[in-house]
Amino acid sequence: MASQLVRALLCSALVFALPAAAAEAERVFEFSYSVLAPDLPTSEAVDIYIPLPTDQPGQRVLAQSLDSNLPGEVGIEERHGNRYYRIRRPANINAPVQATLLFTVARSTVTAGGRQGSDAAELARYLAPNALVPVGHDILQPILAEIRAQRADDSPAATARAIYDWVVDNVEYKKVGSGWGNGDTFWACSERYGNCTDFHALFISLARSEGIPARFEIGFPVPRDRDAGDIGGYHCWVQFYLPDRGWVPIDASEAARHPEQRELLYGTQPTDRIHFTTGRDLVLSTGSAAMPLNYFIYPYVELGGKPWRTDLQTAFSYRELSPG
């Protein structure tokens, strides 16, 4: 009993202790998101939806410039409050669509304790399954049995920590072949590798199966080791909710890639990212209601009001500015 109590206390300390080195100074940077759609059909109207960052705990959007060669408007995805910029090119117009969106963003360290989005309806939403994120499914049961055997006690805090440790220890970060990168729990369970979406789909499935609300967040990495540069692609992470502690940030995929940051990335979100959208199975329009977006970080296109797959040219970059 004494040994179990010590383990429980240690687990609690690991969940919420913030190392002195983790509290970084606020970072301010300019982020550029560029889109070019050169070859579009002219038979029907084309709509292009581009995600926009919003104010979040640890993030302030200080300024934004939305520049496109065709008219655009800002809209809101109602379920999670995500914002987007929609550009419409009418039918019978033979012109490419070009847009450059600039954001000045301030980022500070995020730790456990946030309460935004913690009403009953929000928490219920983050306990429900998504198309590729099952809850309570048979495929999860062997993993859940291991986690229950390894956790310090059956409290939500100890369970969440055990889930994090299991995912970090048993899933490999690699991008080989096809099938990874969809945030697919079934893939992560069977193949045991993938990118950040696969790591965090599995974490969310396991947490929700244990009655712990967990939400998916996605944006772009902003390296701390250089002042400016291009960004190759997105990054994603998770926050889970404990009634006595609020929302707790974790990043299991980065912990797997950088073992020395394992403790830091459980309960602390560094300033090395910019948040764009939250959630899975997103509905931006009537057209996407029939086929919700798996997640929303790259432009979404509709042709004649229906989802349309096309290769857009995108580019992302950042430039560090002086704080304040």
C-alpha atoms as a PDB file:
ATOM      1  CA  MET A   1       0.000   0.000   0.000  1.00  0.00           C
ATOM      2  CA  ALA A   2       2.797   2.409   0.900  1.00  0.00           C
ATOM      3  CA  SER A   3       4.555   1.643  -2.372  1.00  0.00           C
ATOM      4  CA  GLN A   4       1.359   2.278  -4.326  1.00  0.00           C
ATOM      5  CA  LEU A   5       0.856   5.599  -2.533  1.00  0.00           C
ATOM      6  CA  VAL A   6       4.389   6.702  -3.389  1.00  0.00           C
ATOM      7  CA  ARG A   7       3.807   5.794  -7.026  1.00  0.00           C
ATOM      8  CA  ALA A   8       0.557   7.764  -7.077  1.00  0.00           C
ATOM      9  CA  LEU A   9       2.185  10.826  -5.564  1.00  0.00           C
ATOM     10  CA  LEU A  10       5.069  10.589  -8.026  1.00  0.00           C
ATOM     11  CA  CYS A  11       2.633  10.303 -10.924  1.00  0.00           C
ATOM     12  CA  SER A  12       0.768  13.391  -9.759  1.00  0.00           C
ATOM     13  CA  ALA A  13       4.012  15.317  -9.461  1.00  0.00           C
ATOM     14  CA  LEU A  14       5.075  14.304 -12.948  1.00  0.00           C
ATOM     15  CA  VAL A  15       1.737  15.366 -14.395  1.00  0.00           C
ATOM     16  CA  PHE A  16       1.738  18.910 -13.124  1.00  0.00           C
ATOM     17  CA  ALA A  17       5.248  19.907 -12.072  1.00  0.00           C
ATOM     18  CA  LEU A  18       6.631  22.525 -14.431  1.00  0.00           C
ATOM     19  CA  PRO A  19      10.431  22.492 -14.551  1.00  0.00           C
ATOM     20  CA  ALA A  20      11.977  25.902 -14.055  1.00  0.00           C
ATOM     21  CA  ALA A  21      13.511  25.742 -17.527  1.00  0.00           C
ATOM     22  CA  ALA A  22      10.095  25.153 -19.135  1.00  0.00           C
ATOM     23  CA  ALA A  23       8.727  28.675 -18.620  1.00  0.00           C
ATOM     24  CA  GLU A  24      10.005  30.366 -21.762  1.00  0.00           C
ATOM     25  CA  ALA A  25       9.863  34.033 -22.585  1.00  0.00           C
ATOM     26  CA  GLU A  26       7.012  35.056 -24.847  1.00  0.00           C
ATOM     27  CA  ARG A  27       7.826  34.762 -28.541  1.00  0.00           C
ATOM     28  CA  VAL A  28       6.423  37.079 -31.201  1.00  0.00           C
ATOM     29  CA  PHE A  29       6.694  36.143 -34.839  1.00  0.00           C
ATOM     30  CA  GLU A  30       5.197  36.758 -38.256  1.00  0.00           C
ATOM     31  CA  PHE A  31       3.769  33.698 -39.977  1.00  0.00           C
ATOM     32  CA  SER A  32       3.057  33.546 -43.719  1.00  0.00           C
ATOM     33  CA  TYR A  33       0.558  31.135 -45.311  1.00  0.00           C
ATOM     34  CA  SER A  34       0.516  31.295 -49.137  1.00  0.00           C
ATOM     35  CA  VAL A  35      -1.781  29.479 -51.558  1.00  0.00           C
ATOM     36  CA  LEU A  36      -1.774  29.232 -55.351  1.00  0.00           C
ATOM     37  CA  ALA A  37      -4.417  27.333 -57.327  1.00  0.00           C
ATOM     38  CA  PRO A  38      -3.284  27.700 -60.953  1.00  0.00           C
ATOM     39  CA  ASP A  39      -5.495  25.204 -62.785  1.00  0.00           C
ATOM     40  CA  LEU A  40      -9.149  25.251 -61.811  1.00  0.00           C
ATOM     41  CA  PRO A  41     -12.193  24.185 -63.847  1.00  0.00           C
ATOM     42  CA  THR A  42     -14.276  27.083 -65.091  1.00  0.00           C
ATOM     43  CA  SER A  43     -17.569  25.217 -65.433  1.00  0.00           C
ATOM     44  CA  GLU A  44     -18.661  25.843 -61.838  1.00  0.00           C
ATOM     45  CA  ALA A  45     -17.865  28.154 -58.949  1.00  0.00           C
ATOM     46  CA  VAL A  46     -14.835  27.286 -56.839  1.00  0.00           C
ATOM     47  CA  ASP A  47     -14.609  27.932 -53.088  1.00  0.00           C
ATOM     48  CA  ILE A  48     -11.304  27.678 -51.232  1.00  0.00           C
ATOM     49  CA  TYR A  49     -11.307  27.585 -47.423  1.00  0.00           C
ATOM     50  CA  ILE A  50      -8.067  28.457 -45.611  1.00  0.00           C
ATOM     51  CA  PRO A  51      -7.748  28.046 -41.812  1.00  0.00           C
ATOM     52  CA  LEU A  52      -6.969  31.058 -39.633  1.00  0.00           C
ATOM     53  CA  PRO A  53      -5.298  31.105 -36.202  1.00  0.00           C
ATOM     54  CA  THR A  54      -7.294  32.455 -33.265  1.00  0.00           C
ATOM     55  CA  ASP A  55      -6.617  33.629 -29.737  1.00  0.00           C
ATOM     56  CA  GLN A  56      -6.093  30.657 -27.425  1.00  0.00           C
ATOM     57  CA  PRO A  57      -4.558  30.120 -24.012  1.00  0.00           C
ATOM     58  CA  GLY A  58      -0.896  30.830 -24.704  1.00  0.00           C
ATOM     59  CA  GLN A  59      -1.576  32.453 -28.075  1.00  0.00           C
ATOM     60  CA  ARG A  60      -2.535  35.978 -29.135  1.00  0.00           C
ATOM     61  CA  VAL A  61      -3.098  36.965 -32.746  1.00  0.00           C
ATOM     62  CA  LEU A  62      -1.839  40.547 -32.737  1.00  0.00           C
ATOM     63  CA  ALA A  63      -2.469  41.327 -36.406  1.00  0.00           C
ATOM     64  CA  GLN A  64      -3.509  39.655 -39.622  1.00  0.00           C
ATOM     65  CA  SER A  65      -3.482  40.560 -43.304  1.00  0.00           C
ATOM     66  CA  LEU A  66      -5.646  38.535 -45.707  1.00  0.00           C
ATOM     67  CA  ASP A  67      -4.604  39.311 -49.264  1.00  0.00           C
ATOM     68  CA  SER A  68      -6.130  37.485 -52.258  1.00  0.00           C
ATOM     69  CA  ASN A  69      -6.640  38.264 -55.933  1.00  0.00           C
ATOM     70  CA  LEU A  70     -10.357  37.445 -55.641  1.00  0.00           C
ATOM     71  CA  PRO A  71     -12.810  38.538 -52.939  1.00  0.00           C
ATOM     72  CA  GLY A  72     -12.815  36.596 -49.697  1.00  0.00           C
ATOM     73  CA  GLU A  73     -14.635  36.574 -46.381  1.00  0.00           C
ATOM     74  CA  VAL A  74     -13.967  35.285 -42.877  1.00  0.00           C
ATOM     75  CA  GLY A  75     -16.251  32.577 -41.513  1.00  0.00           C
ATOM     76  CA  ILE A  76     -16.549  30.419 -38.411  1.00  0.00           C
ATOM     77  CA  GLU A  77     -16.905  26.661 -38.104  1.00  0.00           C
ATOM     78  CA  GLU A  78     -19.605  26.453 -35.465  1.00  0.00           C
ATOM     79  CA  ARG A  79     -18.815  23.236 -33.606  1.00  0.00           C
ATOM     80  CA  HIS A  80     -15.339  24.196 -32.385  1.00  0.00           C
ATOM     81  CA  GLY A  81     -15.185  27.893 -33.245  1.00  0.00           C
ATOM     82  CA  ASN A  82     -12.460  27.494 -35.857  1.00  0.00           C
ATOM     83  CA  ARG A  83     -12.092  30.443 -38.241  1.00  0.00           C
ATOM     84  CA  TYR A  84     -11.388  30.358 -41.949  1.00  0.00           C
ATOM     85  CA  TYR A  85     -10.946  32.629 -44.954  1.00  0.00           C
ATOM     86  CA  ARG A  86     -13.174  31.621 -47.887  1.00  0.00           C
ATOM     87  CA  ILE A  87     -12.246  32.749 -51.396  1.00  0.00           C
ATOM     88  CA  ARG A  88     -14.835  32.316 -54.147  1.00  0.00           C
ATOM     89  CA  ARG A  89     -14.100  32.260 -57.846  1.00  0.00           C
ATOM     90  CA  PRO A  90     -17.363  32.431 -59.836  1.00  0.00           C
ATOM     91  CA  ALA A  91     -18.104  30.070 -62.711  1.00  0.00           C
ATOM     92  CA  ASN A  92     -16.812  30.960 -66.170  1.00  0.00           C
ATOM     93  CA  ILE A  93     -13.876  32.934 -64.780  1.00  0.00           C
ATOM     94  CA  ASN A  94     -10.544  31.692 -66.081  1.00  0.00           C
ATOM     95  CA  ALA A  95      -8.100  32.912 -63.470  1.00  0.00           C
ATOM     96  CA  PRO A  96      -5.879  31.297 -60.847  1.00  0.00           C
ATOM     97  CA  VAL A  97      -6.591  31.868 -57.170  1.00  0.00           C
ATOM     98  CA  GLN A  98      -3.764  33.399 -55.173  1.00  0.00           C
ATOM     99  CA  ALA A  99      -3.674  34.300 -51.495  1.00  0.00           C
ATOM    100  CA  THR A 100      -1.054  35.343 -48.974  1.00  0.00           C
ATOM    101  CA  LEU A 101      -2.147  35.458 -45.353  1.00  0.00           C
ATOM    102  CA  LEU A 102       0.168  37.103 -42.817  1.00  0.00           C
ATOM    103  CA  PHE A 103      -0.250  36.785 -39.055  1.00  0.00           C
ATOM    104  CA  THR A 104       1.624  38.389 -36.196  1.00  0.00           C
ATOM    105  CA  VAL A 105       1.349  35.976 -33.294  1.00  0.00           C
ATOM    106  CA  ALA A 106       2.562  36.017 -29.694  1.00  0.00           C
ATOM    107  CA  ARG A 107       3.141  32.644 -28.061  1.00  0.00           C
ATOM    108  CA  SER A 108       3.737  31.852 -24.394  1.00  0.00           C
ATOM    109  CA  THR A 109       4.140  28.578 -22.535  1.00  0.00           C
ATOM    110  CA  VAL A 110       0.906  26.683 -21.856  1.00  0.00           C
ATOM    111  CA  THR A 111       0.590  24.581 -18.717  1.00  0.00           C
ATOM    112  CA  ALA A 112      -2.221  22.666 -17.038  1.00  0.00           C
ATOM    113  CA  GLY A 113      -5.112  24.695 -15.710  1.00  0.00           C
ATOM    114  CA  GLY A 114      -7.016  26.125 -18.665  1.00  0.00           C
ATOM    115  CA  ARG A 115     -10.804  26.089 -18.316  1.00  0.00           C
ATOM    116  CA  GLN A 116     -11.850  27.429 -21.716  1.00  0.00           C
ATOM    117  CA  GLY A 117     -14.215  24.925 -23.339  1.00  0.00           C
ATOM    118  CA  SER A 118     -14.997  23.002 -20.159  1.00  0.00           C
ATOM    119  CA  ASP A 119     -18.792  23.243 -19.965  1.00  0.00           C
ATOM    120  CA  ALA A 120     -20.769  19.993 -20.004  1.00  0.00           C
ATOM    121  CA  ALA A 121     -21.564  20.118 -23.728  1.00  0.00           C
ATOM    122  CA  GLU A 122     -17.931  20.723 -24.669  1.00  0.00           C
ATOM    123  CA  LEU A 123     -16.659  17.920 -22.460  1.00  0.00           C
ATOM    124  CA  ALA A 124     -19.272  15.527 -23.874  1.00  0.00           C
ATOM    125  CA  ARG A 125     -18.066  16.395 -27.374  1.00  0.00           C
ATOM    126  CA  TYR A 126     -14.525  15.421 -26.451  1.00  0.00           C
ATOM    127  CA  LEU A 127     -15.667  12.071 -25.093  1.00  0.00           C
ATOM    128  CA  ALA A 128     -17.458  11.058 -28.296  1.00  0.00           C
ATOM    129  CA  PRO A 129     -15.849   9.061 -31.125  1.00  0.00           C
ATOM    130  CA  ASN A 130     -14.757  10.462 -34.471  1.00  0.00           C
ATOM    131  CA  ALA A 131     -14.727   8.649 -37.790  1.00  0.00           C
ATOM    132  CA  LEU A 132     -11.118   7.485 -37.349  1.00  0.00           C
ATOM    133  CA  VAL A 133     -10.980   7.820 -33.560  1.00  0.00           C
ATOM    134  CA  PRO A 134     -13.084   5.048 -31.995  1.00  0.00           C
ATOM    135  CA  VAL A 135     -14.035   4.941 -28.332  1.00  0.00           C
ATOM    136  CA  GLY A 136     -14.387   1.657 -26.438  1.00  0.00           C
ATOM    137  CA  HIS A 137     -13.685  -0.413 -29.554  1.00  0.00           C
ATOM    138  CA  ASP A 138     -12.478  -4.019 -29.233  1.00  0.00           C
ATOM    139  CA  ILE A 139      -9.158  -3.120 -30.870  1.00  0.00           C
ATOM    140  CA  LEU A 140      -8.369  -0.889 -27.880  1.00  0.00           C
ATOM    141  CA  GLN A 141      -9.078  -3.430 -25.154  1.00  0.00           C
ATOM    142  CA  PRO A 142      -5.680  -5.220 -25.058  1.00  0.00           C
ATOM    143  CA  ILE A 143      -3.911  -1.863 -24.821  1.00  0.00           C
ATOM    144  CA  LEU A 144      -6.299  -0.611 -22.142  1.00  0.00           C
ATOM    145  CA  ALA A 145      -5.646  -3.786 -20.143  1.00  0.00           C
ATOM    146  CA  GLU A 146      -1.900  -3.061 -20.219  1.00  0.00           C
ATOM    147  CA  ILE A 147      -2.473   0.549 -19.213  1.00  0.00           C
ATOM    148  CA  ARG A 148      -4.713  -0.411 -16.288  1.00  0.00           C
ATOM    149  CA  ALA A 149      -2.065  -2.827 -15.075  1.00  0.00           C
ATOM    150  CA  GLN A 150       0.692  -0.209 -15.312  1.00  0.00           C
ATOM    151  CA  ARG A 151      -1.017   2.877 -13.883  1.00  0.00           C
ATOM    152  CA  ALA A 152      -0.271   3.983 -10.339  1.00  0.00           C
ATOM    153  CA  ASP A 153      -3.971   3.971  -9.398  1.00  0.00           C
ATOM    154  CA  ASP A 154      -7.339   4.240 -11.124  1.00  0.00           C
ATOM    155  CA  SER A 155      -7.621   8.034 -10.892  1.00  0.00           C
ATOM    156  CA  PRO A 156      -8.029   9.985 -14.150  1.00  0.00           C
ATOM    157  CA  ALA A 157      -4.647  11.675 -13.601  1.00  0.00           C
ATOM    158  CA  ALA A 158      -2.796   8.385 -13.176  1.00  0.00           C
ATOM    159  CA  THR A 159      -4.694   6.835 -16.078  1.00  0.00           C
ATOM    160  CA  ALA A 160      -3.866   9.717 -18.428  1.00  0.00           C
ATOM    161  CA  ARG A 161      -0.195   9.505 -17.492  1.00  0.00           C
ATOM    162  CA  ALA A 162      -0.175   5.756 -18.128  1.00  0.00           C
ATOM    163  CA  ILE A 163      -1.813   6.282 -21.529  1.00  0.00           C
ATOM    164  CA  TYR A 164       0.821   8.859 -22.454  1.00  0.00           C
ATOM    165  CA  ASP A 165       3.646   6.564 -21.370  1.00  0.00           C
ATOM    166  CA  TRP A 166       2.201   3.608 -23.264  1.00  0.00           C
ATOM    167  CA  VAL A 167       1.821   5.581 -26.496  1.00  0.00           C
ATOM    168  CA  VAL A 168       5.323   7.081 -26.248  1.00  0.00           C
ATOM    169  CA  ASP A 169       6.853   3.672 -25.502  1.00  0.00           C
ATOM    170  CA  ASN A 170       4.954   1.613 -28.073  1.00  0.00           C
ATOM    171  CA  VAL A 171       4.409   3.804 -31.144  1.00  0.00           C
ATOM    172  CA  GLU A 172       7.321   4.736 -33.411  1.00  0.00           C
ATOM    173  CA  TYR A 173       7.534   8.085 -35.168  1.00  0.00           C
ATOM    174  CA  LYS A 174       8.235   7.352 -38.817  1.00  0.00           C
ATOM    175  CA  LYS A 175       6.751   8.058 -42.240  1.00  0.00           C
ATOM    176  CA  VAL A 176       7.181   4.912 -44.314  1.00  0.00           C
ATOM    177  CA  GLY A 177       4.916   3.634 -47.063  1.00  0.00           C
ATOM    178  CA  SER A 178       1.281   4.701 -47.057  1.00  0.00           C
ATOM    179  CA  GLY A 179      -1.489   4.680 -44.478  1.00  0.00           C
ATOM    180  CA  TRP A 180       0.101   6.936 -41.874  1.00  0.00           C
ATOM    181  CA  GLY A 181      -0.809  10.593 -41.395  1.00  0.00           C
ATOM    182  CA  ASN A 182      -4.585  10.248 -41.311  1.00  0.00           C
ATOM    183  CA  GLY A 183      -4.960  10.346 -37.546  1.00  0.00           C
ATOM    184  CA  ASP A 184      -6.297   6.789 -37.674  1.00  0.00           C
ATOM    185  CA  THR A 185      -6.483   4.891 -34.400  1.00  0.00           C
ATOM    186  CA  PHE A 186      -6.987   1.572 -36.210  1.00  0.00           C
ATOM    187  CA  TRP A 187      -3.758   2.171 -38.146  1.00  0.00           C
ATOM    188  CA  ALA A 188      -1.840   3.150 -35.021  1.00  0.00           C
ATOM    189  CA  CYS A 189      -3.068   0.068 -33.145  1.00  0.00           C
ATOM    190  CA  SER A 190      -2.134  -2.371 -35.900  1.00  0.00           C
ATOM    191  CA  GLU A 191       1.029  -0.814 -37.354  1.00  0.00           C
ATOM    192  CA  ARG A 192       2.392   0.915 -34.245  1.00  0.00           C
ATOM    193  CA  TYR A 193       3.963   3.772 -36.200  1.00  0.00           C
ATOM    194  CA  GLY A 194       2.999   7.028 -37.858  1.00  0.00           C
ATOM    195  CA  ASN A 195       3.213  10.792 -37.514  1.00  0.00           C
ATOM    196  CA  CYS A 196       1.759  13.139 -34.919  1.00  0.00           C
ATOM    197  CA  THR A 197      -1.834  12.580 -36.097  1.00  0.00           C
ATOM    198  CA  ASP A 198      -1.568   8.832 -35.535  1.00  0.00           C
ATOM    199  CA  PHE A 199       0.072   9.168 -32.114  1.00  0.00           C
ATOM    200  CA  HIS A 200      -2.593  11.555 -30.932  1.00  0.00           C
ATOM    201  CA  ALA A 201      -5.564   9.741 -32.458  1.00  0.00           C
ATOM    202  CA  LEU A 202      -4.537   6.732 -30.383  1.00  0.00           C
ATOM    203  CA  PHE A 203      -4.045   8.816 -27.237  1.00  0.00           C
ATOM    204  CA  ILE A 204      -7.477  10.397 -27.691  1.00  0.00           C
ATOM    205  CA  SER A 205      -9.184   7.033 -28.286  1.00  0.00           C
ATOM    206  CA  LEU A 206      -7.620   5.557 -25.160  1.00  0.00           C
ATOM    207  CA  ALA A 207      -8.350   8.610 -23.006  1.00  0.00           C
ATOM    208  CA  ARG A 208     -11.968   8.903 -24.108  1.00  0.00           C
ATOM    209  CA  SER A 209     -12.442   5.167 -23.580  1.00  0.00           C
ATOM    210  CA  GLU A 210     -11.433   5.754 -19.958  1.00  0.00           C
ATOM    211  CA  GLY A 211     -13.858   8.674 -19.573  1.00  0.00           C
ATOM    212  CA  ILE A 212     -11.208  11.397 -19.965  1.00  0.00           C
ATOM    213  CA  PRO A 213     -12.179  14.195 -22.396  1.00  0.00           C
ATOM    214  CA  ALA A 214      -9.434  14.827 -24.956  1.00  0.00           C
ATOM    215  CA  ARG A 215      -9.290  17.216 -27.892  1.00  0.00           C
ATOM    216  CA  PHE A 216      -7.169  17.300 -31.036  1.00  0.00           C
ATOM    217  CA  GLU A 217      -5.335  20.522 -31.948  1.00  0.00           C
ATOM    218  CA  ILE A 218      -3.316  21.247 -35.068  1.00  0.00           C
ATOM    219  CA  GLY A 219      -1.126  24.033 -36.382  1.00  0.00           C
ATOM    220  CA  PHE A 220       2.443  24.559 -37.520  1.00  0.00           C
ATOM    221  CA  PRO A 221       5.794  24.116 -35.791  1.00  0.00           C
ATOM    222  CA  VAL A 222       7.854  27.257 -35.244  1.00  0.00           C
ATOM    223  CA  PRO A 223      11.422  26.179 -34.411  1.00  0.00           C
ATOM    224  CA  ARG A 224      13.190  27.803 -31.497  1.00  0.00           C
ATOM    225  CA  ASP A 225      16.697  27.269 -32.878  1.00  0.00           C
ATOM    226  CA  ARG A 226      16.480  29.741 -35.794  1.00  0.00           C
ATOM    227  CA  ASP A 227      14.987  33.183 -36.300  1.00  0.00           C
ATOM    228  CA  ALA A 228      13.321  32.592 -39.667  1.00  0.00           C
ATOM    229  CA  GLY A 229      12.708  29.958 -42.285  1.00  0.00           C
ATOM    230  CA  ASP A 230      10.310  27.844 -44.272  1.00  0.00           C
ATOM    231  CA  ILE A 231       7.967  25.368 -42.593  1.00  0.00           C
ATOM    232  CA  GLY A 232       7.564  22.004 -44.289  1.00  0.00           C
ATOM    233  CA  GLY A 233       4.196  21.012 -42.863  1.00  0.00           C
ATOM    234  CA  TYR A 234       1.831  20.808 -39.929  1.00  0.00           C
ATOM    235  CA  HIS A 235       2.185  19.568 -36.365  1.00  0.00           C
ATOM    236  CA  CYS A 236      -0.538  18.447 -33.963  1.00  0.00           C
ATOM    237  CA  TRP A 237      -0.962  17.746 -30.252  1.00  0.00           C
ATOM    238  CA  VAL A 238      -3.618  17.045 -27.615  1.00  0.00           C
ATOM    239  CA  GLN A 239      -5.126  18.481 -24.477  1.00  0.00           C
ATOM    240  CA  PHE A 240      -7.068  16.317 -22.028  1.00  0.00           C
ATOM    241  CA  TYR A 241      -9.312  17.439 -19.190  1.00  0.00           C
ATOM    242  CA  LEU A 242      -9.210  16.696 -15.460  1.00  0.00           C
ATOM    243  CA  PRO A 243     -11.939  18.230 -13.269  1.00  0.00           C
ATOM    244  CA  ASP A 244      -9.484  19.407 -10.610  1.00  0.00           C
ATOM    245  CA  ARG A 245      -6.783  20.615 -12.996  1.00  0.00           C
ATOM    246  CA  GLY A 246      -8.496  21.805 -16.176  1.00  0.00           C
ATOM    247  CA  TRP A 247      -7.006  21.173 -19.613  1.00  0.00           C
ATOM    248  CA  VAL A 248      -3.591  19.491 -19.629  1.00  0.00           C
ATOM    249  CA  PRO A 249      -1.419  19.720 -22.790  1.00  0.00           C
ATOM    250  CA  ILE A 250       0.628  16.769 -24.042  1.00  0.00           C
ATOM    251  CA  ASP A 251       2.689  16.023 -27.133  1.00  0.00           C
ATOM    252  CA  ALA A 252       3.308  12.283 -27.384  1.00  0.00           C
ATOM    253  CA  SER A 253       4.887  12.274 -30.843  1.00  0.00           C
ATOM    254  CA  GLU A 254       7.526  14.865 -29.940  1.00  0.00           C
ATOM    255  CA  ALA A 255       8.204  12.979 -26.712  1.00  0.00           C
ATOM    256  CA  ALA A 256       8.862   9.854 -28.771  1.00  0.00           C
ATOM    257  CA  ARG A 257      11.177  11.765 -31.100  1.00  0.00           C
ATOM    258  CA  HIS A 258      12.963  13.602 -28.279  1.00  0.00           C
ATOM    259  CA  PRO A 259      13.096  11.370 -25.176  1.00  0.00           C
ATOM    260  CA  GLU A 260      14.859  14.089 -23.193  1.00  0.00           C
ATOM    261  CA  GLN A 261      11.640  16.160 -23.434  1.00  0.00           C
ATOM    262  CA  ARG A 262       9.308  13.389 -22.284  1.00  0.00           C
ATOM    263  CA  GLU A 263       8.517  14.913 -18.894  1.00  0.00           C
ATOM    264  CA  LEU A 264       8.355  18.465 -20.221  1.00  0.00           C
ATOM    265  CA  LEU A 265       5.812  17.551 -22.892  1.00  0.00           C
ATOM    266  CA  TYR A 266       3.420  16.041 -20.363  1.00  0.00           C
ATOM    267  CA  GLY A 267       1.665  19.033 -18.868  1.00  0.00           C
ATOM    268  CA  THR A 268       3.587  21.731 -20.757  1.00  0.00           C
ATOM    269  CA  GLN A 269       3.179  23.107 -24.266  1.00  0.00           C
ATOM    270  CA  PRO A 270       6.288  25.044 -25.364  1.00  0.00           C
ATOM    271  CA  THR A 271       6.299  28.138 -27.567  1.00  0.00           C
ATOM    272  CA  ASP A 272       7.445  26.187 -30.633  1.00  0.00           C
ATOM    273  CA  ARG A 273       4.087  26.089 -32.435  1.00  0.00           C
ATOM    274  CA  ILE A 274       1.157  28.118 -33.658  1.00  0.00           C
ATOM    275  CA  HIS A 275      -2.368  26.788 -33.164  1.00  0.00           C
ATOM    276  CA  PHE A 276      -4.759  26.959 -36.125  1.00  0.00           C
ATOM    277  CA  THR A 277      -7.731  24.617 -35.560  1.00  0.00           C
ATOM    278  CA  THR A 278      -9.278  22.220 -33.069  1.00  0.00           C
ATOM    279  CA  GLY A 279     -11.179  18.994 -33.621  1.00  0.00           C
ATOM    280  CA  ARG A 280     -11.859  16.279 -36.182  1.00  0.00           C
ATOM    281  CA  ASP A 281     -14.743  15.621 -38.604  1.00  0.00           C
ATOM    282  CA  LEU A 282     -15.176  19.322 -39.273  1.00  0.00           C
ATOM    283  CA  VAL A 283     -18.070  20.848 -41.213  1.00  0.00           C
ATOM    284  CA  LEU A 284     -17.302  24.155 -42.911  1.00  0.00           C
ATOM    285  CA  SER A 285     -20.140  24.249 -45.424  1.00  0.00           C
ATOM    286  CA  THR A 286     -23.160  22.425 -46.789  1.00  0.00           C
ATOM    287  CA  GLY A 287     -20.821  20.522 -49.080  1.00  0.00           C
ATOM    288  CA  SER A 288     -18.585  19.326 -46.257  1.00  0.00           C
ATOM    289  CA  ALA A 289     -21.580  18.214 -44.173  1.00  0.00           C
ATOM    290  CA  ALA A 290     -21.804  15.088 -46.326  1.00  0.00           C
ATOM    291  CA  MET A 291     -18.044  14.507 -46.113  1.00  0.00           C
ATOM    292  CA  PRO A 292     -16.597  16.228 -43.014  1.00  0.00           C
ATOM    293  CA  LEU A 293     -12.951  17.221 -43.011  1.00  0.00           C
ATOM    294  CA  ASN A 294     -10.747  14.726 -41.202  1.00  0.00           C
ATOM    295  CA  TYR A 295      -8.838  17.721 -39.846  1.00  0.00           C
ATOM    296  CA  PHE A 296      -8.298  21.246 -41.169  1.00  0.00           C
ATOM    297  CA  ILE A 297      -4.847  22.682 -41.677  1.00  0.00           C
ATOM    298  CA  TYR A 298      -4.404  22.814 -45.457  1.00  0.00           C
ATOM    299  CA  PRO A 299      -6.831  24.517 -47.869  1.00  0.00           C
ATOM    300  CA  TYR A 300     -10.168  22.789 -48.489  1.00  0.00           C
ATOM    301  CA  VAL A 301     -11.694  23.176 -51.965  1.00  0.00           C
ATOM    302  CA  GLU A 302     -15.242  22.839 -53.260  1.00  0.00           C
ATOM    303  CA  LEU A 303     -16.324  22.786 -56.904  1.00  0.00           C
ATOM    304  CA  GLY A 304     -19.976  23.583 -57.431  1.00  0.00           C
ATOM    305  CA  GLY A 305     -20.585  23.238 -53.701  1.00  0.00           C
ATOM    306  CA  LYS A 306     -19.086  19.735 -53.468  1.00  0.00           C
ATOM    307  CA  PRO A 307     -15.712  18.611 -52.083  1.00  0.00           C
ATOM    308  CA  TRP A 308     -13.098  18.568 -54.818  1.00  0.00           C
ATOM    309  CA  ARG A 309      -9.591  17.187 -54.663  1.00  0.00           C
ATOM    310  CA  THR A 310      -6.917  19.175 -56.429  1.00  0.00           C
ATOM    311  CA  ASP A 311      -3.233  19.894 -55.996  1.00  0.00           C
ATOM    312  CA  LEU A 312      -2.773  23.385 -54.624  1.00  0.00           C
ATOM    313  CA  GLN A 313       0.609  25.003 -54.194  1.00  0.00           C
ATOM    314  CA  THR A 314       1.169  26.046 -50.588  1.00  0.00           C
ATOM    315  CA  ALA A 315       4.086  27.640 -48.764  1.00  0.00           C
ATOM    316  CA  PHE A 316       4.577  28.406 -45.071  1.00  0.00           C
ATOM    317  CA  SER A 317       7.277  30.484 -43.409  1.00  0.00           C
ATOM    318  CA  TYR A 318       7.948  32.479 -40.262  1.00  0.00           C
ATOM    319  CA  ARG A 319      10.116  35.320 -39.029  1.00  0.00           C
ATOM    320  CA  GLU A 320      10.914  35.938 -35.381  1.00  0.00           C
ATOM    321  CA  LEU A 321      10.188  39.456 -34.137  1.00  0.00           C
ATOM    322  CA  SER A 322      11.314  41.203 -30.983  1.00  0.00           C
ATOM    323  CA  PRO A 323       8.965  40.487 -28.041  1.00  0.00           C
ATOM    324  CA  GLY A 324       6.478  43.251 -27.429  1.00  0.00           C
END
